[in-house]
Amino acid sequence: MKVQLIRNATININVNNKNILVDPMLGSKGVLGPFPWTDDTRANPLTELPFTEAELNALIHKTDAVLLTHLHPDHWDPTAQTLLPKDMLIYCQNEDIEPIKTLGFHNVIGITDSTIFEGIHIHRTVAIHGEGEIGHLMGNASGFVLIHNQEIVYLMGDTIWCKEVKQAIDHYQPTGIVINGGAAKFGIGEHVTMNSTDIKTLLDYYPIKQVAIVHLEAISPLQENRNMLKAYFEEHNLSSRVIIPNDADIFTV
């Protein structure tokens, strides 16, 4: 499947000639302000979108559906809520249906286990967005597996390495994986997205050719940047198995 990283966890996936926009954070640099549960006072997002306004409008115009893993503002921000047409088809976890509908969107479908969109099978997976108190504060999140013909792409969502991720890999045997990395960490508890050690554990466990790592450098809780990850995987002789795209890069998973 062809993927374009937009920024953070926001990606556009082209599959079966359909464009699926995942976790849109479309606001300007700094518009979200500081995040809670951290002493970091930097305003989020930390980076601008890699597009002009015209290019952003074109992206929205060509979007056939939106896929939301959860409703944290770095995955579903007020700008996206304003710019996306209210009749946009939106897939989400069931608990997020009503909050999305409250914003005026009226074509919202919750995925309990799976659904089919234009010949694309979409399966929901469990994402563990941290453990203990910080996991409770983060709330529920999902991942999704997209299946079309022989392509099986696992969008892990905001999760750490856990038995639920291992079970999803065992069950679906993905041909491509998109990892939300960055080792996001707040002032409470441990990391809440995959860190470099988690990713190495995944690569050691599952003999996939390559994974793509996104969710980097755009928000203040992130502890690991692109250069750190490149150095880590080079040190462990895993560079050939990771794609670490820059914003606006197009790649295949």
Protein backbone atom coordinates (compact mmCIF):
# COMPACT_ATOMS: atom_id res chain seq x y z
CA MET A 1 0.00 0.00 0.00
CA LYS A 2 1.21 3.50 -0.82
CA VAL A 3 1.42 5.78 2.21
CA GLN A 4 2.19 9.47 2.59
CA LEU A 5 3.26 10.74 5.99
CA ILE A 6 1.74 14.13 6.57
CA ARG A 7 2.86 14.87 10.14
CA ASN A 8 2.90 13.00 13.44
CA ALA A 9 0.46 10.07 13.08
CA THR A 10 -1.43 11.70 10.21
CA ILE A 11 -0.99 9.59 7.10
CA ASN A 12 -2.80 9.14 3.81
CA ILE A 13 -3.07 5.53 2.66
CA ASN A 14 -3.95 4.70 -0.93
CA VAL A 15 -5.46 1.24 -1.24
CA ASN A 16 -7.75 -0.11 -3.96
CA ASN A 17 -7.69 3.38 -5.52
CA LYS A 18 -9.21 4.86 -2.37
CA ASN A 19 -7.57 7.42 -0.10
CA ILE A 20 -7.94 6.87 3.64
CA LEU A 21 -6.83 9.73 5.89
CA VAL A 22 -5.67 8.46 9.28
CA ASP A 23 -5.66 10.55 12.48
CA PRO A 24 -5.75 14.05 10.97
CA MET A 25 -3.96 16.77 12.94
CA LEU A 26 -4.12 19.62 10.44
CA GLY A 27 -3.59 22.77 12.52
CA SER A 28 -0.75 25.26 12.32
CA LYS A 29 2.35 25.07 14.50
CA GLY A 30 1.58 25.90 18.14
CA VAL A 31 -2.19 26.18 17.79
CA LEU A 32 -2.94 23.44 20.36
CA GLY A 33 -0.77 24.97 23.08
CA PRO A 34 1.02 22.95 25.81
CA PHE A 35 -0.16 19.44 26.62
CA PRO A 36 -1.25 18.35 30.13
CA TRP A 37 0.63 16.09 32.56
CA THR A 38 4.03 17.48 31.58
CA ASP A 39 6.26 20.38 32.58
CA ASP A 40 7.08 21.00 28.92
CA THR A 41 5.45 24.34 28.08
CA ARG A 42 6.12 24.25 24.34
CA ALA A 43 3.05 24.85 22.20
CA ASN A 44 1.92 21.95 20.04
CA PRO A 45 2.26 20.99 17.27
CA LEU A 46 5.99 21.70 17.24
CA THR A 47 6.17 21.69 13.44
CA GLU A 48 4.18 23.10 10.55
CA LEU A 49 2.34 20.99 8.02
CA PRO A 50 4.52 20.27 4.97
CA PHE A 51 1.79 21.58 2.66
CA THR A 52 0.44 24.86 1.40
CA GLU A 53 -3.20 25.68 2.09
CA ALA A 54 -4.05 24.72 -1.48
CA GLU A 55 -2.27 21.38 -1.14
CA LEU A 56 -4.07 20.69 2.14
CA ASN A 57 -7.43 21.44 0.52
CA ALA A 58 -6.53 19.10 -2.34
CA LEU A 59 -5.67 16.36 0.17
CA ILE A 60 -9.03 16.76 1.88
CA HIS A 61 -10.86 16.84 -1.46
CA LYS A 62 -9.38 13.50 -2.53
CA THR A 63 -10.05 11.80 0.82
CA ASP A 64 -12.61 9.00 0.59
CA ALA A 65 -12.73 8.12 4.30
CA VAL A 66 -11.15 9.06 7.61
CA LEU A 67 -9.88 6.48 10.10
CA LEU A 68 -9.50 7.58 13.72
CA THR A 69 -7.60 5.48 16.25
CA HIS A 70 -8.69 7.72 19.15
CA LEU A 71 -9.54 11.36 19.81
CA HIS A 72 -6.42 12.86 21.37
CA PRO A 73 -5.82 16.29 19.82
CA ASP A 74 -2.64 15.20 18.02
CA HIS A 75 -4.80 12.67 16.13
CA TRP A 76 -8.05 14.63 15.70
CA ASP A 77 -7.62 18.35 16.14
CA PRO A 78 -10.05 21.29 15.89
CA THR A 79 -8.66 22.27 12.48
CA ALA A 80 -9.44 18.84 11.04
CA GLN A 81 -12.86 19.00 12.64
CA THR A 82 -13.48 22.31 10.88
CA LEU A 83 -11.96 21.56 7.47
CA LEU A 84 -13.36 18.09 6.85
CA PRO A 85 -16.85 18.09 5.29
CA LYS A 86 -19.55 17.03 7.70
CA ASP A 87 -20.66 14.22 5.39
CA MET A 88 -17.17 12.67 5.38
CA LEU A 89 -17.21 8.94 6.08
CA ILE A 90 -15.42 8.45 9.40
CA TYR A 91 -14.48 5.11 10.95
CA CYS A 92 -13.61 5.00 14.65
CA GLN A 93 -13.80 2.93 17.82
CA ASN A 94 -17.36 2.68 19.14
CA GLU A 95 -16.90 4.93 22.16
CA ASP A 96 -15.88 7.81 19.90
CA ILE A 97 -19.01 7.80 17.71
CA GLU A 98 -21.06 10.23 19.79
CA PRO A 99 -18.26 12.77 20.45
CA ILE A 100 -17.64 12.91 16.69
CA LYS A 101 -21.34 13.21 15.87
CA THR A 102 -21.63 16.03 18.40
CA LEU A 103 -19.28 18.01 16.13
CA GLY A 104 -21.81 17.75 13.30
CA PHE A 105 -20.43 14.74 11.43
CA HIS A 106 -23.25 12.44 10.39
CA ASN A 107 -21.56 9.60 8.51
CA VAL A 108 -19.73 8.00 11.43
CA ILE A 109 -19.27 4.24 11.72
CA GLY A 110 -17.90 2.51 14.80
CA ILE A 111 -15.82 -0.61 14.33
CA THR A 112 -16.32 -3.24 17.00
CA ASP A 113 -14.32 -5.95 15.28
CA SER A 114 -14.27 -5.39 11.52
CA THR A 115 -15.96 -3.77 8.54
CA ILE A 116 -15.54 -3.57 4.76
CA PHE A 117 -15.00 -0.32 2.86
CA GLU A 118 -14.83 -0.48 -0.94
CA GLY A 119 -13.39 -3.99 -0.88
CA ILE A 120 -10.93 -3.13 1.89
CA HIS A 121 -11.31 -5.19 5.05
CA ILE A 122 -10.68 -3.09 8.17
CA HIS A 123 -10.10 -4.93 11.45
CA ARG A 124 -9.81 -3.16 14.80
CA THR A 125 -7.02 -4.16 17.20
CA VAL A 126 -6.33 -3.27 20.81
CA ALA A 127 -3.77 -0.55 21.50
CA ILE A 128 -2.32 -0.20 25.01
CA HIS A 129 -1.61 3.53 25.29
CA GLY A 130 0.57 3.21 28.38
CA GLU A 131 0.25 1.27 31.63
CA GLY A 132 -0.85 2.14 35.15
CA GLU A 133 -2.01 5.65 36.00
CA ILE A 134 -0.84 7.22 32.74
CA GLY A 135 -2.51 4.44 30.76
CA HIS A 136 -5.75 5.22 32.56
CA LEU A 137 -5.37 8.92 31.79
CA MET A 138 -4.64 8.20 28.12
CA GLY A 139 -7.85 6.20 27.80
CA ASN A 140 -8.71 3.64 25.16
CA ALA A 141 -7.10 3.64 21.74
CA SER A 142 -7.23 1.30 18.78
CA GLY A 143 -5.08 0.03 15.96
CA PHE A 144 -6.39 -1.16 12.62
CA VAL A 145 -5.41 -3.81 10.10
CA LEU A 146 -6.21 -3.03 6.46
CA ILE A 147 -6.47 -6.02 4.14
CA HIS A 148 -6.81 -5.88 0.36
CA ASN A 149 -5.87 -8.80 -1.88
CA GLN A 150 -2.49 -10.02 -0.59
CA GLU A 151 -1.63 -6.80 1.26
CA ILE A 152 -2.08 -6.78 5.04
CA VAL A 153 -1.05 -3.52 6.70
CA TYR A 154 -1.14 -3.15 10.48
CA LEU A 155 -1.54 0.42 11.73
CA MET A 156 -0.55 -0.05 15.34
CA GLY A 157 -1.94 3.22 16.69
CA ASP A 158 -0.74 4.69 19.97
CA THR A 159 0.48 1.63 21.82
CA ILE A 160 3.48 0.15 23.55
CA TRP A 161 4.79 -3.37 22.90
CA CYS A 162 2.37 -5.68 24.72
CA LYS A 163 0.68 -9.04 24.43
CA GLU A 164 -2.20 -7.46 22.49
CA VAL A 165 0.17 -6.24 19.78
CA LYS A 166 1.90 -9.61 19.69
CA GLN A 167 -1.49 -11.33 19.34
CA ALA A 168 -2.47 -9.02 16.47
CA ILE A 169 0.78 -9.81 14.65
CA ASP A 170 0.32 -13.54 15.25
CA HIS A 171 -3.26 -13.46 14.01
CA TYR A 172 -2.99 -11.22 10.94
CA GLN A 173 0.61 -11.90 9.86
CA PRO A 174 0.93 -8.40 8.37
CA THR A 175 2.95 -7.73 5.23
CA GLY A 176 3.44 -4.12 6.35
CA ILE A 177 3.44 -2.36 9.73
CA VAL A 178 3.18 1.35 10.53
CA ILE A 179 4.44 2.06 14.05
CA ASN A 180 3.61 5.13 16.13
CA GLY A 181 7.02 5.71 17.69
CA GLY A 182 8.73 8.54 19.50
CA ALA A 183 8.56 7.08 23.02
CA ALA A 184 5.99 9.66 24.13
CA LYS A 185 6.29 10.23 27.87
CA PHE A 186 4.51 12.49 30.33
CA GLY A 187 5.34 13.46 33.90
CA ILE A 188 3.54 10.35 35.13
CA GLY A 189 4.64 6.77 34.54
CA GLU A 190 6.53 5.34 31.59
CA HIS A 191 6.33 5.79 27.82
CA VAL A 192 2.95 5.56 26.10
CA THR A 193 4.02 4.94 22.48
CA MET A 194 6.59 2.56 21.06
CA ASN A 195 10.20 3.31 21.93
CA SER A 196 13.29 2.03 20.14
CA THR A 197 13.56 -1.01 22.40
CA ASP A 198 9.91 -1.90 21.77
CA ILE A 199 10.47 -1.65 18.02
CA LYS A 200 13.59 -3.83 18.19
CA THR A 201 11.59 -6.38 20.19
CA LEU A 202 8.96 -6.40 17.45
CA LEU A 203 11.59 -6.82 14.73
CA ASP A 204 13.28 -9.62 16.67
CA TYR A 205 9.92 -11.33 17.16
CA TYR A 206 8.45 -11.00 13.68
CA PRO A 207 10.54 -11.51 10.52
CA ILE A 208 8.91 -8.75 8.47
CA LYS A 209 11.05 -7.17 5.76
CA GLN A 210 10.42 -3.56 6.82
CA VAL A 211 8.36 -1.43 9.17
CA ALA A 212 7.65 2.29 8.92
CA ILE A 213 7.98 4.53 11.98
CA VAL A 214 5.87 7.68 12.24
CA HIS A 215 4.60 9.84 15.15
CA LEU A 216 7.96 11.62 15.46
CA GLU A 217 9.13 15.15 16.36
CA ALA A 218 5.74 16.89 16.08
CA ILE A 219 4.52 16.99 19.71
CA SER A 220 6.23 17.81 22.99
CA PRO A 221 5.93 14.44 24.85
CA LEU A 222 8.02 12.64 22.21
CA GLN A 223 11.46 11.63 23.53
CA GLU A 224 13.05 9.97 20.48
CA ASN A 225 13.63 11.82 17.22
CA ARG A 226 14.48 10.58 13.74
CA ASN A 227 18.24 10.88 14.14
CA MET A 228 18.18 9.00 17.44
CA LEU A 229 16.19 6.17 15.87
CA LYS A 230 18.44 5.99 12.82
CA ALA A 231 21.51 5.75 15.06
CA TYR A 232 19.89 3.10 17.27
CA PHE A 233 18.88 0.84 14.39
CA GLU A 234 22.24 1.29 12.68
CA GLU A 235 23.95 0.23 15.91
CA HIS A 236 21.79 -2.90 16.00
CA ASN A 237 22.21 -3.68 12.28
CA LEU A 238 18.51 -3.14 11.64
CA SER A 239 18.62 -0.07 9.39
CA SER A 240 17.50 -2.05 6.34
CA ARG A 241 14.32 -3.08 8.16
CA VAL A 242 13.04 0.36 9.12
CA ILE A 243 11.64 3.24 7.10
CA ILE A 244 11.77 6.54 8.98
CA PRO A 245 10.01 8.99 6.65
CA ASN A 246 10.12 12.76 6.80
CA ASP A 247 6.90 14.73 6.65
CA ALA A 248 5.40 14.62 3.13
CA ASP A 249 7.45 11.54 2.16
CA ILE A 250 5.67 8.84 0.18
CA PHE A 251 6.61 5.21 0.85
CA THR A 252 5.26 1.70 0.41
CA VAL A 253 4.36 -0.77 3.15
